[in-house]
Amino acid sequence: MPLRPWQHWYSKAAVLLVLFGGVWLLWRAPFDAAPAEVVVQVPAGLERRSNDSDLAKTIVLEDGSSVVLQPHSVLQYPAHFEPHTRHVYL
């Protein structure tokens, strides 16, 4: 079924509207927005391990579990864990 001339015009206008709308939305989006910084109060009396090397480092905790600490990261955790919880701070 052939399209009428005004239907061709409407379809072309719809395509252009979608294209320009998409470009406009992308243009408005922040490209180099810094990620939000989260600040957490770490309780006193925790063990502190840091990895100042350029390679990942595995740390074995008191309960036998392990943490892979990525380069230039810090891990803080209690010397003794409670029976059913493991709170660590990165």
Protein backbone atom coordinates (compact mmCIF):
# COMPACT_ATOMS: atom_id res chain seq x y z
CA MET A 1 0.00 0.00 0.00
CA PRO A 2 1.70 3.22 -1.12
CA LEU A 3 2.14 6.08 1.30
CA ARG A 4 0.54 9.42 0.68
CA PRO A 5 2.84 12.44 0.29
CA TRP A 6 2.00 13.83 3.73
CA GLN A 7 2.80 10.42 5.30
CA HIS A 8 6.31 10.59 3.80
CA TRP A 9 6.74 14.04 5.32
CA TYR A 10 5.52 12.89 8.75
CA SER A 11 7.82 9.85 8.79
CA LYS A 12 10.85 11.98 7.84
CA ALA A 13 9.93 14.57 10.46
CA ALA A 14 9.57 11.86 13.12
CA VAL A 15 13.02 10.44 12.30
CA LEU A 16 14.60 13.90 12.46
CA LEU A 17 12.83 14.67 15.72
CA VAL A 18 14.14 11.46 17.32
CA LEU A 19 17.68 12.12 16.04
CA PHE A 20 17.80 15.72 17.23
CA GLY A 21 16.19 14.77 20.54
CA GLY A 22 18.82 12.08 21.13
CA VAL A 23 21.68 14.44 20.27
CA TRP A 24 20.22 17.10 22.55
CA LEU A 25 19.94 14.63 25.47
CA LEU A 26 23.52 13.45 24.97
CA TRP A 27 24.76 17.03 24.73
CA ARG A 28 23.14 17.91 28.07
CA ALA A 29 24.61 14.88 29.90
CA PRO A 30 27.75 15.61 31.94
CA PHE A 31 30.73 13.90 30.32
CA ASP A 32 33.39 14.30 32.97
CA ALA A 33 31.35 14.35 36.14
CA ALA A 34 33.37 13.16 39.11
CA PRO A 35 31.92 10.20 41.00
CA ALA A 36 30.27 10.95 44.31
CA GLU A 37 32.56 10.62 47.30
CA VAL A 38 31.30 8.56 50.22
CA VAL A 39 32.63 9.36 53.67
CA VAL A 40 32.28 6.70 56.38
CA GLN A 41 33.24 7.03 60.03
CA VAL A 42 35.48 4.05 60.79
CA PRO A 43 35.41 2.87 64.42
CA ALA A 44 38.64 3.14 66.40
CA GLY A 45 40.72 0.08 67.29
CA LEU A 46 40.73 -1.63 63.90
CA GLU A 47 43.53 -3.49 62.19
CA ARG A 48 44.77 -1.55 59.16
CA ARG A 49 46.38 -3.09 56.09
CA SER A 50 47.42 -1.12 53.04
CA ASN A 51 48.73 -2.10 49.64
CA ASP A 52 51.17 0.51 48.39
CA SER A 53 52.51 -1.71 45.61
CA ASP A 54 51.39 -1.88 41.98
CA LEU A 55 50.16 -5.48 42.32
CA ALA A 56 47.13 -7.01 44.04
CA LYS A 57 47.79 -8.39 47.53
CA THR A 58 45.85 -11.18 49.30
CA ILE A 59 45.14 -10.69 53.00
CA VAL A 60 43.91 -13.62 55.11
CA LEU A 61 41.59 -12.59 57.94
CA GLU A 62 41.27 -14.19 61.41
CA ASP A 63 38.32 -16.38 60.38
CA GLY A 64 40.22 -17.83 57.40
CA SER A 65 38.49 -15.73 54.76
CA SER A 66 40.64 -13.73 52.39
CA VAL A 67 40.47 -10.32 50.77
CA VAL A 68 42.25 -9.33 47.57
CA LEU A 69 43.42 -5.78 48.14
CA GLN A 70 43.99 -3.90 44.92
CA PRO A 71 46.99 -1.58 44.44
CA HIS A 72 47.03 1.64 46.47
CA SER A 73 44.08 0.54 48.65
CA VAL A 74 43.50 0.36 52.40
CA LEU A 75 41.56 -2.26 54.36
CA GLN A 76 40.47 -1.86 57.99
CA TYR A 77 38.84 -4.63 60.01
CA PRO A 78 38.44 -5.71 63.66
CA ALA A 79 41.05 -8.04 65.11
CA HIS A 80 38.25 -10.43 66.15
CA PHE A 81 34.96 -10.79 64.27
CA GLU A 82 31.56 -11.25 65.88
CA PRO A 83 30.03 -14.73 65.35
CA HIS A 84 27.68 -13.86 62.46
CA THR A 85 29.00 -10.60 61.01
CA ARG A 86 32.06 -9.48 59.09
CA HIS A 87 32.39 -5.69 58.94
CA VAL A 88 35.37 -4.46 56.93
CA TYR A 89 36.14 -0.99 55.59
CA LEU A 90 37.85 -0.24 52.29
